[in-house]
Amino acid sequence: MVELARLTSPGRASFSRKELIDRYTITVNNIVVDISIYSEEDKPVPEYVVSITNISDATKIILEKIRQEFISKMNLEEIEKLEQNELINIRQRFKGEIKKLIFKYFPKADDTTANMLINYLIEENLGMGKVEILLQDPALEEIVINNHKEPVWIYHRRHGWLVTNIKIISEDRIRHFATMIGRDVGKEITNLSPLMDAHLMTGDRVNATLNPISTKGHTITIRKFSADPWTITKFVKEGVLSYEAAAFIWLAVQNELSVLISGGTGSGKTSMLNVISNFFPPNQRIISIEDTRELTLPENLHWVPLETRLPNPEGKGGVTMLDLLVNSLRMRPDRILVGEIRRKKEAEVLLEAMHTGHSVYATIHANNAEEVIMRLTNPPIEIPKPMIASLSLIVIQNRNRRTGKRRTLQLAEVTPSGDVKVIMKLNMVKDILEDAAKSDTVIDRLKLYTGMSEEDISKDLTEKARILRWMVKKNILNVNQIGVVIAKYYMGTLYLD
């Protein structure tokens, strides 16, 4: 759909083309929300427009009148100080009072309609208002509030960065949101502590900053936790990596070779870590360690997720990544997943775990395979190069900031000397992952540990690629469905129709 948008300036009027590039609906607390995404030729980014469709304009006017009555009665500073159970009681009390007013203004409303309007007003007053709508859109990865003067920005899975038609009414409101989020998880944000890392009860990661640290105003950045995580079939279907690369990674994971995933911010490192976990057998114990829970493994796996914890305002009670790494080795793990390696001690413990027979899968920030080695061997991590040889594979993820596409950039093996050899790399022009060199180290390790010949390995890779194609053809995309297929494969009971 293309329409003309009027642009006015002193003394003249002109028109610019406005094109509808996407449209869908979501339902939030029985409220039907229409999402439209428009591209306008004179605007640098498309606009994400939220419109509530099952509440009329006349109803919204009355609801705003009810809302204003409650604003006059509420003291946000007092509410911010309440404990979680006290807040629940406040919500229940307001719910009762709002219900009376709803039936006063809408005497013919049925219970479903009344509850919808009550939930709408509760979120506008005690929740995060229209930001709650953004939190419920599964297509969004990031929600960003920069200040009350600018619209809220979002990062959309299909369309990248978009500006919304939602604004927060004041800086005080943004600060209230941040305080409310922190209180729910035992964190606080104040003028003395103007930075906060926290997470919502849904698992979404939150970072908040207060003015004047953020000079334009208070900020909130929410990275959404995906309830429907990336899987190997979604990756190959979206062209993130090829069937052949996926089969090679599967063969390495099946035979307990350790893998390090690298890339820049937002390149899909954690998503790839989640994808690799699709290949774990159900008869092994898996321990995952993260700062904030993002991984979602198949429910049929023997999986124990662990999460770090920051110290309280008195500096007590903190649990670090290193604490959990050391502790995980006492939990008889077969596989260890680590959200991100940042420090020398963490890398040392992980490499020691590899040397003692554990399979380790982790992420690190580096843009290509050579940079991974540079990062590991230089401060602050500074691991001796020969120790890195216990690692088998490095997977490099990349996000094209112009197109928003995420791709596997390189698949590299680690040689006995601790160097890297790229065996597959992305052809940027053709947008396909191509062979770059024949694998030596990984193939030699597979032959040593499994007794397979090169011919056996080639047949195994062909079979794995065939299974992956079958899963994509059958539209098996859900993490638990894939878990069932992989389990049947390992048990020898998988039959392709």
Protein backbone atom coordinates (compact mmCIF):
# COMPACT_ATOMS: atom_id res chain seq x y z
CA MET A 1 0.00 0.00 0.00
CA VAL A 2 1.36 3.42 -1.01
CA GLU A 3 -0.14 6.72 0.12
CA LEU A 4 0.92 10.34 0.06
CA ALA A 5 1.87 12.06 3.32
CA ARG A 6 1.52 15.86 3.40
CA LEU A 7 4.63 17.83 4.33
CA THR A 8 4.04 21.47 5.22
CA SER A 9 6.45 24.35 5.51
CA PRO A 10 5.95 28.16 5.47
CA GLY A 11 4.37 29.19 2.21
CA ARG A 12 4.15 25.78 0.57
CA ALA A 13 2.91 22.20 0.80
CA SER A 14 4.40 19.07 -0.71
CA PHE A 15 3.86 15.33 -0.57
CA SER A 16 6.11 12.34 0.12
CA ARG A 17 5.43 8.69 -0.66
CA LYS A 18 4.44 6.59 2.35
CA GLU A 19 4.47 2.82 1.87
CA LEU A 20 3.04 0.14 4.16
CA ILE A 21 5.80 -2.49 4.33
CA ASP A 22 4.38 -4.79 7.02
CA ARG A 23 1.23 -5.22 9.08
CA TYR A 24 0.06 -7.70 11.72
CA THR A 25 -1.92 -7.86 14.97
CA ILE A 26 -1.05 -8.98 18.49
CA THR A 27 -3.32 -9.42 21.52
CA VAL A 28 -2.31 -8.02 24.91
CA ASN A 29 -4.68 -8.70 27.86
CA ASN A 30 -7.58 -9.17 25.40
CA ILE A 31 -6.73 -5.85 23.74
CA VAL A 32 -6.29 -6.23 19.99
CA VAL A 33 -3.33 -4.18 18.79
CA ASP A 34 -2.72 -3.40 15.13
CA ILE A 35 0.97 -3.04 14.18
CA SER A 36 1.71 -1.17 10.94
CA ILE A 37 5.20 -0.42 9.63
CA TYR A 38 5.50 2.45 7.17
CA SER A 39 8.42 3.56 5.05
CA GLU A 40 8.43 7.22 4.03
CA GLU A 41 10.89 8.50 1.45
CA ASP A 42 11.80 11.65 3.42
CA LYS A 43 12.37 9.78 6.71
CA PRO A 44 15.64 7.89 7.37
CA VAL A 45 14.02 4.90 9.11
CA PRO A 46 10.58 3.30 8.86
CA GLU A 47 7.94 3.96 11.54
CA TYR A 48 6.37 1.26 13.73
CA VAL A 49 2.79 2.41 14.42
CA VAL A 50 0.79 0.94 17.32
CA SER A 51 -3.00 1.23 17.16
CA ILE A 52 -5.48 -0.35 19.58
CA THR A 53 -8.33 -1.56 17.36
CA ASN A 54 -11.00 -2.89 19.73
CA ILE A 55 -11.26 0.26 21.88
CA SER A 56 -13.04 3.11 20.09
CA ASP A 57 -11.89 6.74 20.19
CA ALA A 58 -14.91 7.67 22.30
CA THR A 59 -14.06 4.89 24.79
CA LYS A 60 -10.45 6.07 24.95
CA ILE A 61 -11.62 9.57 25.91
CA ILE A 62 -13.63 8.17 28.82
CA LEU A 63 -10.76 5.89 29.85
CA GLU A 64 -8.41 8.88 29.86
CA LYS A 65 -10.82 10.71 32.16
CA ILE A 66 -10.81 7.72 34.54
CA ARG A 67 -7.01 7.54 34.30
CA GLN A 68 -6.61 11.19 35.21
CA GLU A 69 -8.72 10.64 38.33
CA PHE A 70 -6.30 7.94 39.44
CA ILE A 71 -3.22 9.98 38.64
CA SER A 72 -4.50 12.66 41.00
CA LYS A 73 -4.90 10.07 43.77
CA MET A 74 -1.60 8.27 43.19
CA ASN A 75 1.78 9.11 44.66
CA LEU A 76 4.37 7.48 42.38
CA GLU A 77 7.18 8.05 44.88
CA GLU A 78 5.28 6.12 47.55
CA ILE A 79 4.41 3.31 45.12
CA GLU A 80 8.08 3.00 44.11
CA LYS A 81 8.96 2.24 47.75
CA LEU A 82 6.47 -0.61 48.05
CA GLU A 83 7.60 -4.26 48.19
CA GLN A 84 6.38 -6.65 45.50
CA ASN A 85 3.57 -8.15 47.64
CA GLU A 86 2.41 -4.64 48.65
CA LEU A 87 2.32 -3.62 44.99
CA ILE A 88 0.15 -6.63 44.18
CA ASN A 89 -2.28 -5.50 46.91
CA ILE A 90 -2.28 -1.95 45.49
CA ARG A 91 -3.08 -3.36 42.04
CA GLN A 92 -5.95 -5.39 43.48
CA ARG A 93 -7.33 -2.35 45.30
CA PHE A 94 -7.14 -0.18 42.22
CA LYS A 95 -8.66 -2.96 40.16
CA GLY A 96 -11.70 -2.97 42.42
CA GLU A 97 -12.08 0.81 42.26
CA ILE A 98 -11.56 0.94 38.49
CA LYS A 99 -14.15 -1.81 38.03
CA LYS A 100 -16.77 0.34 39.76
CA LEU A 101 -16.02 3.27 37.46
CA ILE A 102 -16.00 1.04 34.37
CA PHE A 103 -19.51 -0.18 35.10
CA LYS A 104 -20.56 3.38 35.96
CA TYR A 105 -19.51 4.66 32.54
CA PHE A 106 -20.11 1.39 30.64
CA PRO A 107 -23.12 -0.24 32.40
CA LYS A 108 -23.72 -2.68 29.52
CA ALA A 109 -20.17 -4.00 29.37
CA ASP A 110 -19.80 -7.76 29.78
CA ASP A 111 -17.10 -9.26 32.06
CA THR A 112 -14.65 -9.85 29.19
CA THR A 113 -14.89 -6.24 28.00
CA ALA A 114 -14.73 -4.90 31.56
CA ASN A 115 -11.59 -6.93 32.35
CA MET A 116 -9.96 -5.74 29.13
CA LEU A 117 -10.59 -2.10 30.03
CA ILE A 118 -9.45 -2.66 33.62
CA ASN A 119 -6.17 -4.25 32.44
CA TYR A 120 -5.65 -1.35 30.04
CA LEU A 121 -6.02 1.21 32.84
CA ILE A 122 -3.92 -0.79 35.32
CA GLU A 123 -0.99 -0.93 32.88
CA GLU A 124 -1.37 2.77 32.07
CA ASN A 125 -1.20 3.64 35.77
CA LEU A 126 0.88 0.98 37.53
CA GLY A 127 2.58 -0.82 34.65
CA MET A 128 4.68 0.39 31.73
CA GLY A 129 1.79 1.66 29.62
CA LYS A 130 2.18 1.16 25.88
CA VAL A 131 5.71 -0.20 26.40
CA GLU A 132 3.89 -3.35 27.59
CA ILE A 133 2.55 -3.71 24.04
CA LEU A 134 6.09 -3.66 22.67
CA LEU A 135 7.13 -6.29 25.22
CA GLN A 136 4.39 -8.59 23.90
CA ASP A 137 5.41 -8.34 20.23
CA PRO A 138 7.45 -11.51 19.49
CA ALA A 139 8.99 -9.84 16.41
CA LEU A 140 10.93 -7.34 18.53
CA GLU A 141 14.44 -7.94 19.87
CA GLU A 142 15.21 -4.61 21.51
CA ILE A 143 13.17 -1.74 23.02
CA VAL A 144 14.94 1.57 23.64
CA ILE A 145 13.79 4.66 25.55
CA ASN A 146 16.32 7.49 25.02
CA ASN A 147 14.40 10.29 26.81
CA HIS A 148 10.85 11.63 27.02
CA LYS A 149 11.28 13.99 24.03
CA GLU A 150 12.08 11.29 21.50
CA PRO A 151 9.79 8.43 20.42
CA VAL A 152 10.61 4.94 21.68
CA TRP A 153 12.86 3.00 19.29
CA ILE A 154 12.71 -0.74 18.64
CA TYR A 155 14.83 -3.34 16.83
CA HIS A 156 12.59 -5.55 14.67
CA ARG A 157 13.67 -9.06 13.60
CA ARG A 158 12.71 -8.43 9.98
CA HIS A 159 13.12 -4.68 9.58
CA GLY A 160 15.97 -3.65 11.91
CA TRP A 161 15.83 -0.33 13.78
CA LEU A 162 12.45 1.41 13.67
CA VAL A 163 11.05 4.52 15.36
CA THR A 164 7.63 4.07 17.02
CA ASN A 165 4.65 6.36 17.54
CA ILE A 166 5.01 5.87 21.32
CA LYS A 167 6.42 8.54 23.61
CA ILE A 168 6.90 8.53 27.38
CA ILE A 169 5.18 11.55 28.93
CA SER A 170 8.00 12.72 31.21
CA GLU A 171 11.48 12.00 32.55
CA ASP A 172 9.88 11.20 35.91
CA ARG A 173 7.84 8.48 34.22
CA ILE A 174 10.98 6.92 32.68
CA ARG A 175 12.66 6.97 36.09
CA HIS A 176 9.56 5.41 37.63
CA PHE A 177 9.71 2.56 35.09
CA ALA A 178 13.41 1.95 35.88
CA THR A 179 12.79 2.02 39.64
CA MET A 180 9.83 -0.36 39.28
CA ILE A 181 11.90 -2.83 37.22
CA GLY A 182 14.78 -2.73 39.69
CA ARG A 183 12.59 -3.16 42.73
CA ASP A 184 11.06 -6.35 41.31
CA VAL A 185 14.50 -8.03 41.20
CA GLY A 186 16.14 -6.44 44.23
CA LYS A 187 18.09 -3.75 42.34
CA GLU A 188 18.01 0.00 42.79
CA ILE A 189 18.80 3.01 40.63
CA THR A 190 19.45 6.35 42.34
CA ASN A 191 21.42 9.55 41.82
CA LEU A 192 24.29 7.90 43.70
CA SER A 193 23.95 4.68 41.64
CA PRO A 194 22.74 5.97 38.24
CA LEU A 195 23.48 2.77 36.27
CA MET A 196 21.47 -0.42 36.57
CA ASP A 197 21.58 -3.87 34.97
CA ALA A 198 18.52 -5.94 35.77
CA HIS A 199 15.94 -8.17 34.13
CA LEU A 200 12.16 -8.35 33.98
CA MET A 201 10.31 -11.28 35.53
CA THR A 202 9.91 -12.61 31.95
CA GLY A 203 13.71 -12.85 31.59
CA ASP A 204 14.11 -9.77 29.37
CA ARG A 205 17.42 -7.97 30.07
CA VAL A 206 17.23 -4.33 31.14
CA ASN A 207 19.84 -1.58 31.33
CA ALA A 208 18.91 1.85 32.71
CA THR A 209 20.81 5.11 33.12
CA LEU A 210 19.85 8.38 34.80
CA ASN A 211 20.50 11.95 33.75
CA PRO A 212 23.06 13.57 33.88
CA ILE A 213 25.07 10.39 33.17
CA SER A 214 22.95 10.13 29.99
CA THR A 215 22.94 13.80 29.08
CA LYS A 216 19.73 13.93 27.02
CA GLY A 217 17.63 12.25 29.71
CA HIS A 218 16.94 8.96 31.48
CA THR A 219 17.32 5.83 29.32
CA ILE A 220 16.00 2.28 29.40
CA THR A 221 17.24 -0.46 27.04
CA ILE A 222 15.37 -3.77 27.06
CA ARG A 223 16.75 -6.81 25.24
CA LYS A 224 13.86 -9.22 24.93
CA PHE A 225 14.14 -12.83 26.00
CA SER A 226 12.93 -15.02 23.17
CA ALA A 227 10.24 -17.46 24.28
CA ASP A 228 10.54 -19.02 20.82
CA PRO A 229 14.33 -19.31 20.45
CA TRP A 230 16.40 -19.66 17.32
CA THR A 231 16.93 -23.27 16.26
CA ILE A 232 19.11 -24.97 13.68
CA THR A 233 16.23 -25.33 11.21
CA LYS A 234 15.34 -21.64 11.54
CA PHE A 235 18.98 -20.75 10.96
CA VAL A 236 19.34 -22.75 7.75
CA LYS A 237 15.89 -21.66 6.54
CA GLU A 238 16.85 -18.00 7.05
CA GLY A 239 20.19 -18.53 5.31
CA VAL A 240 22.29 -17.87 8.42
CA LEU A 241 24.42 -20.90 7.56
CA SER A 242 24.37 -23.76 5.02
CA TYR A 243 23.21 -27.34 5.51
CA GLU A 244 26.80 -28.48 5.03
CA ALA A 245 28.14 -26.14 7.73
CA ALA A 246 25.32 -27.15 10.09
CA ALA A 247 26.11 -30.84 9.49
CA PHE A 248 29.81 -30.25 10.20
CA ILE A 249 29.04 -28.44 13.47
CA TRP A 250 26.60 -31.23 14.41
CA LEU A 251 29.27 -33.90 13.82
CA ALA A 252 31.76 -31.98 15.99
CA VAL A 253 29.21 -31.45 18.80
CA GLN A 254 28.05 -35.08 18.68
CA ASN A 255 31.63 -36.19 19.23
CA GLU A 256 32.20 -33.76 22.11
CA LEU A 257 34.58 -31.33 20.41
CA SER A 258 34.57 -27.91 22.08
CA VAL A 259 33.33 -24.87 20.15
CA LEU A 260 33.83 -21.12 20.65
CA ILE A 261 31.34 -18.69 19.05
CA SER A 262 32.43 -15.16 18.29
CA GLY A 263 31.19 -11.98 16.63
CA GLY A 264 30.21 -8.41 17.28
CA THR A 265 27.33 -7.09 19.39
CA GLY A 266 23.97 -8.30 18.05
CA SER A 267 25.58 -10.69 15.55
CA GLY A 268 23.76 -13.74 16.93
CA LYS A 269 26.41 -15.30 19.19
CA THR A 270 23.97 -16.38 21.90
CA SER A 271 21.49 -17.51 19.24
CA MET A 272 24.17 -19.72 17.71
CA LEU A 273 25.03 -21.08 21.16
CA ASN A 274 21.36 -21.98 21.51
CA VAL A 275 21.37 -23.57 18.05
CA ILE A 276 24.44 -25.70 18.85
CA SER A 277 22.66 -27.02 21.94
CA ASN A 278 20.02 -28.53 19.62
CA PHE A 279 22.60 -31.27 18.86
CA PHE A 280 23.19 -32.44 22.45
CA PRO A 281 22.16 -36.02 23.28
CA PRO A 282 19.50 -36.39 26.00
CA ASN A 283 21.60 -38.84 28.07
CA GLN A 284 24.23 -36.24 29.06
CA ARG A 285 24.21 -33.61 31.83
CA ILE A 286 24.41 -30.02 30.61
CA ILE A 287 25.26 -27.01 32.80
CA SER A 288 24.73 -23.51 31.39
CA ILE A 289 26.17 -20.35 32.97
CA GLU A 290 24.91 -16.89 32.05
CA ASP A 291 24.76 -13.37 33.46
CA THR A 292 21.11 -13.17 32.44
CA ARG A 293 19.19 -16.20 31.27
CA GLU A 294 18.87 -16.22 27.46
CA LEU A 295 19.34 -19.86 26.47
CA THR A 296 16.39 -22.19 25.92
CA LEU A 297 17.33 -25.84 25.41
CA PRO A 298 15.02 -28.71 24.37
CA GLU A 299 12.93 -29.85 27.35
CA ASN A 300 14.03 -33.48 26.96
CA LEU A 301 17.65 -32.61 27.81
CA HIS A 302 19.26 -33.09 31.23
CA TRP A 303 19.89 -29.37 31.65
CA VAL A 304 20.70 -27.24 34.70
CA PRO A 305 20.77 -23.47 34.01
CA LEU A 306 22.83 -21.28 36.37
CA GLU A 307 22.81 -17.48 36.55
CA THR A 308 25.23 -14.97 38.08
CA ARG A 309 24.10 -12.45 40.68
CA LEU A 310 25.38 -8.94 41.39
CA PRO A 311 26.18 -8.00 45.00
CA ASN A 312 23.59 -6.06 46.99
CA PRO A 313 24.09 -2.34 47.83
CA GLU A 314 26.28 -3.42 50.78
CA GLY A 315 28.55 -5.35 48.40
CA LYS A 316 27.45 -8.79 49.65
CA GLY A 317 25.80 -11.82 48.06
CA GLY A 318 27.38 -11.56 44.61
CA VAL A 319 27.90 -14.72 42.55
CA THR A 320 30.31 -14.34 39.62
CA MET A 321 30.77 -16.24 36.39
CA LEU A 322 33.99 -17.68 37.81
CA ASP A 323 32.16 -18.86 40.96
CA LEU A 324 29.66 -20.73 38.80
CA LEU A 325 32.31 -22.14 36.48
CA VAL A 326 34.29 -23.61 39.36
CA ASN A 327 31.11 -24.89 40.97
CA SER A 328 29.84 -26.45 37.72
CA LEU A 329 32.90 -28.74 37.58
CA ARG A 330 31.68 -30.29 40.84
CA MET A 331 28.26 -31.03 39.30
CA ARG A 332 29.44 -33.86 37.01
CA PRO A 333 28.73 -32.04 33.75
CA ASP A 334 29.18 -33.63 30.34
CA ARG A 335 28.69 -30.32 28.54
CA ILE A 336 29.26 -26.77 29.83
CA LEU A 337 27.69 -23.72 28.15
CA VAL A 338 29.04 -20.28 29.04
CA GLY A 339 27.29 -17.04 28.06
CA GLU A 340 30.46 -15.03 27.52
CA ILE A 341 34.19 -15.23 28.33
CA ARG A 342 35.54 -11.87 29.52
CA ARG A 343 38.39 -12.49 31.94
CA LYS A 344 41.59 -14.51 32.19
CA LYS A 345 40.49 -16.70 35.09
CA GLU A 346 37.26 -17.67 33.32
CA ALA A 347 39.18 -18.68 30.19
CA GLU A 348 41.71 -20.64 32.25
CA VAL A 349 38.99 -22.61 34.03
CA LEU A 350 37.23 -23.33 30.73
CA LEU A 351 40.40 -24.53 29.03
CA GLU A 352 41.23 -26.64 32.09
CA ALA A 353 37.75 -28.15 31.81
CA MET A 354 38.47 -29.04 28.17
CA HIS A 355 41.77 -30.66 29.17
CA THR A 356 39.97 -32.78 31.79
CA GLY A 357 37.49 -34.19 29.27
CA HIS A 358 34.55 -31.77 29.42
CA SER A 359 32.96 -30.38 26.27
CA VAL A 360 32.75 -26.60 26.45
CA TYR A 361 30.71 -24.17 24.34
CA ALA A 362 31.06 -20.42 24.91
CA THR A 363 30.91 -16.99 23.29
CA ILE A 364 33.48 -14.21 23.05
CA HIS A 365 33.61 -10.77 21.41
CA ALA A 366 35.83 -10.78 18.30
CA ASN A 367 35.04 -10.07 14.64
CA ASN A 368 36.90 -12.92 12.91
CA ALA A 369 38.80 -16.13 13.64
CA GLU A 370 42.21 -14.45 13.76
CA GLU A 371 40.89 -11.84 16.21
CA VAL A 372 39.63 -14.62 18.49
CA ILE A 373 43.19 -15.92 18.92
CA MET A 374 44.46 -12.35 19.40
CA ARG A 375 41.79 -11.75 22.04
CA LEU A 376 42.57 -14.97 23.89
CA THR A 377 46.36 -14.55 23.87
CA ASN A 378 46.53 -10.83 24.79
CA PRO A 379 45.48 -8.90 27.93
CA PRO A 380 43.12 -9.01 29.71
CA ILE A 381 42.62 -12.75 28.96
CA GLU A 382 46.25 -13.60 28.04
CA ILE A 383 46.12 -17.39 27.63
CA PRO A 384 49.29 -19.18 26.38
CA LYS A 385 48.77 -20.10 22.74
CA PRO A 386 49.48 -23.85 23.14
CA MET A 387 46.58 -24.10 25.64
CA ILE A 388 44.12 -22.91 22.98
CA ALA A 389 44.73 -26.08 20.96
CA SER A 390 42.25 -27.92 23.21
CA LEU A 391 39.57 -25.90 21.42
CA SER A 392 38.43 -27.52 18.16
CA LEU A 393 36.11 -25.15 16.29
CA ILE A 394 35.49 -21.39 16.10
CA VAL A 395 32.22 -20.13 14.61
CA ILE A 396 32.16 -16.44 13.65
CA GLN A 397 28.81 -14.68 13.49
CA ASN A 398 28.26 -11.40 11.64
CA ARG A 399 25.44 -8.89 11.29
CA ASN A 400 25.29 -6.66 8.22
CA ARG A 401 24.22 -3.35 9.75
CA ARG A 402 22.95 -2.09 6.39
CA THR A 403 20.61 -5.02 5.68
CA GLY A 404 20.15 -6.31 9.23
CA LYS A 405 20.95 -9.87 8.05
CA ARG A 406 22.81 -12.19 10.43
CA ARG A 407 25.15 -14.71 8.86
CA THR A 408 27.86 -17.18 9.83
CA LEU A 409 30.95 -15.40 8.52
CA GLN A 410 33.59 -18.08 9.12
CA LEU A 411 33.92 -21.63 10.35
CA ALA A 412 37.51 -22.25 11.49
CA GLU A 413 39.39 -25.07 13.16
CA VAL A 414 42.14 -24.59 15.74
CA THR A 415 45.43 -26.23 14.83
CA PRO A 416 47.74 -28.02 17.32
CA SER A 417 49.92 -24.87 17.43
CA GLY A 418 46.97 -22.75 18.56
CA ASP A 419 46.54 -21.00 15.20
CA VAL A 420 43.34 -20.96 13.16
CA LYS A 421 42.52 -22.37 9.76
CA VAL A 422 39.34 -21.09 8.09
CA ILE A 423 37.55 -24.01 6.45
CA MET A 424 34.35 -22.18 5.40
CA LYS A 425 33.73 -18.48 4.81
CA LEU A 426 30.85 -16.28 3.68
CA ASN A 427 30.81 -15.05 0.10
CA MET A 428 29.34 -11.58 0.70
CA VAL A 429 28.37 -11.07 -2.96
CA LYS A 430 26.55 -14.40 -3.36
CA ASP A 431 25.39 -14.49 0.30
CA ILE A 432 26.41 -18.14 0.68
CA LEU A 433 28.87 -19.97 2.94
CA GLU A 434 31.56 -21.54 0.75
CA ASP A 435 34.39 -24.03 1.36
CA ALA A 436 37.70 -22.23 1.98
CA ALA A 437 40.02 -25.13 2.84
CA LYS A 438 39.93 -28.83 3.71
CA SER A 439 39.65 -29.60 7.42
CA ASP A 440 42.67 -31.38 8.83
CA THR A 441 42.68 -31.01 12.63
CA VAL A 442 38.98 -31.68 13.25
CA ILE A 443 38.94 -34.61 10.82
CA ASP A 444 42.08 -36.08 12.44
CA ARG A 445 40.52 -35.75 15.91
CA LEU A 446 37.32 -37.42 14.74
CA LYS A 447 39.31 -40.28 13.22
CA LEU A 448 41.33 -40.63 16.44
CA TYR A 449 38.39 -40.52 18.87
CA THR A 450 35.75 -42.38 16.82
CA GLY A 451 37.73 -44.75 14.58
CA MET A 452 35.83 -43.40 11.57
CA SER A 453 37.56 -43.24 8.19
CA GLU A 454 37.36 -40.15 5.98
CA GLU A 455 34.80 -42.00 3.87
CA ASP A 456 32.72 -42.73 7.00
CA ILE A 457 32.90 -39.06 8.02
CA SER A 458 31.81 -37.95 4.53
CA LYS A 459 28.81 -40.32 4.61
CA ASP A 460 27.90 -39.14 8.12
CA LEU A 461 27.95 -35.49 7.03
CA THR A 462 25.76 -36.31 4.02
CA GLU A 463 23.26 -38.11 6.26
CA LYS A 464 23.14 -35.23 8.74
CA ALA A 465 22.53 -32.70 5.94
CA ARG A 466 19.72 -34.95 4.66
CA ILE A 467 18.08 -34.99 8.11
CA LEU A 468 18.35 -31.21 8.37
CA ARG A 469 16.72 -30.78 4.94
CA TRP A 470 13.94 -33.16 5.99
CA MET A 471 13.29 -31.17 9.18
CA VAL A 472 13.09 -27.92 7.22
CA LYS A 473 10.78 -29.52 4.64
CA LYS A 474 8.55 -30.80 7.47
CA ASN A 475 8.64 -27.32 9.06
CA ILE A 476 10.11 -28.69 12.31
CA LEU A 477 11.23 -25.37 13.78
CA ASN A 478 10.34 -25.56 17.47
CA VAL A 479 13.19 -26.25 19.90
CA ASN A 480 11.34 -29.11 21.63
CA GLN A 481 10.30 -30.73 18.34
CA ILE A 482 13.93 -30.65 17.21
CA GLY A 483 14.97 -32.13 20.56
CA VAL A 484 12.70 -35.12 19.89
CA VAL A 485 14.11 -35.65 16.37
CA ILE A 486 17.74 -35.45 17.54
CA ALA A 487 17.03 -37.84 20.43
CA LYS A 488 15.51 -40.36 18.00
CA TYR A 489 18.57 -40.00 15.76
CA TYR A 490 20.92 -40.86 18.64
CA MET A 491 18.71 -43.81 19.66
CA GLY A 492 18.63 -45.11 16.09
CA THR A 493 14.84 -44.82 15.84
CA LEU A 494 14.60 -41.87 13.43
CA TYR A 495 12.92 -42.79 10.12
CA LEU A 496 12.49 -40.19 7.40
CA ASP A 497 9.32 -40.39 5.32
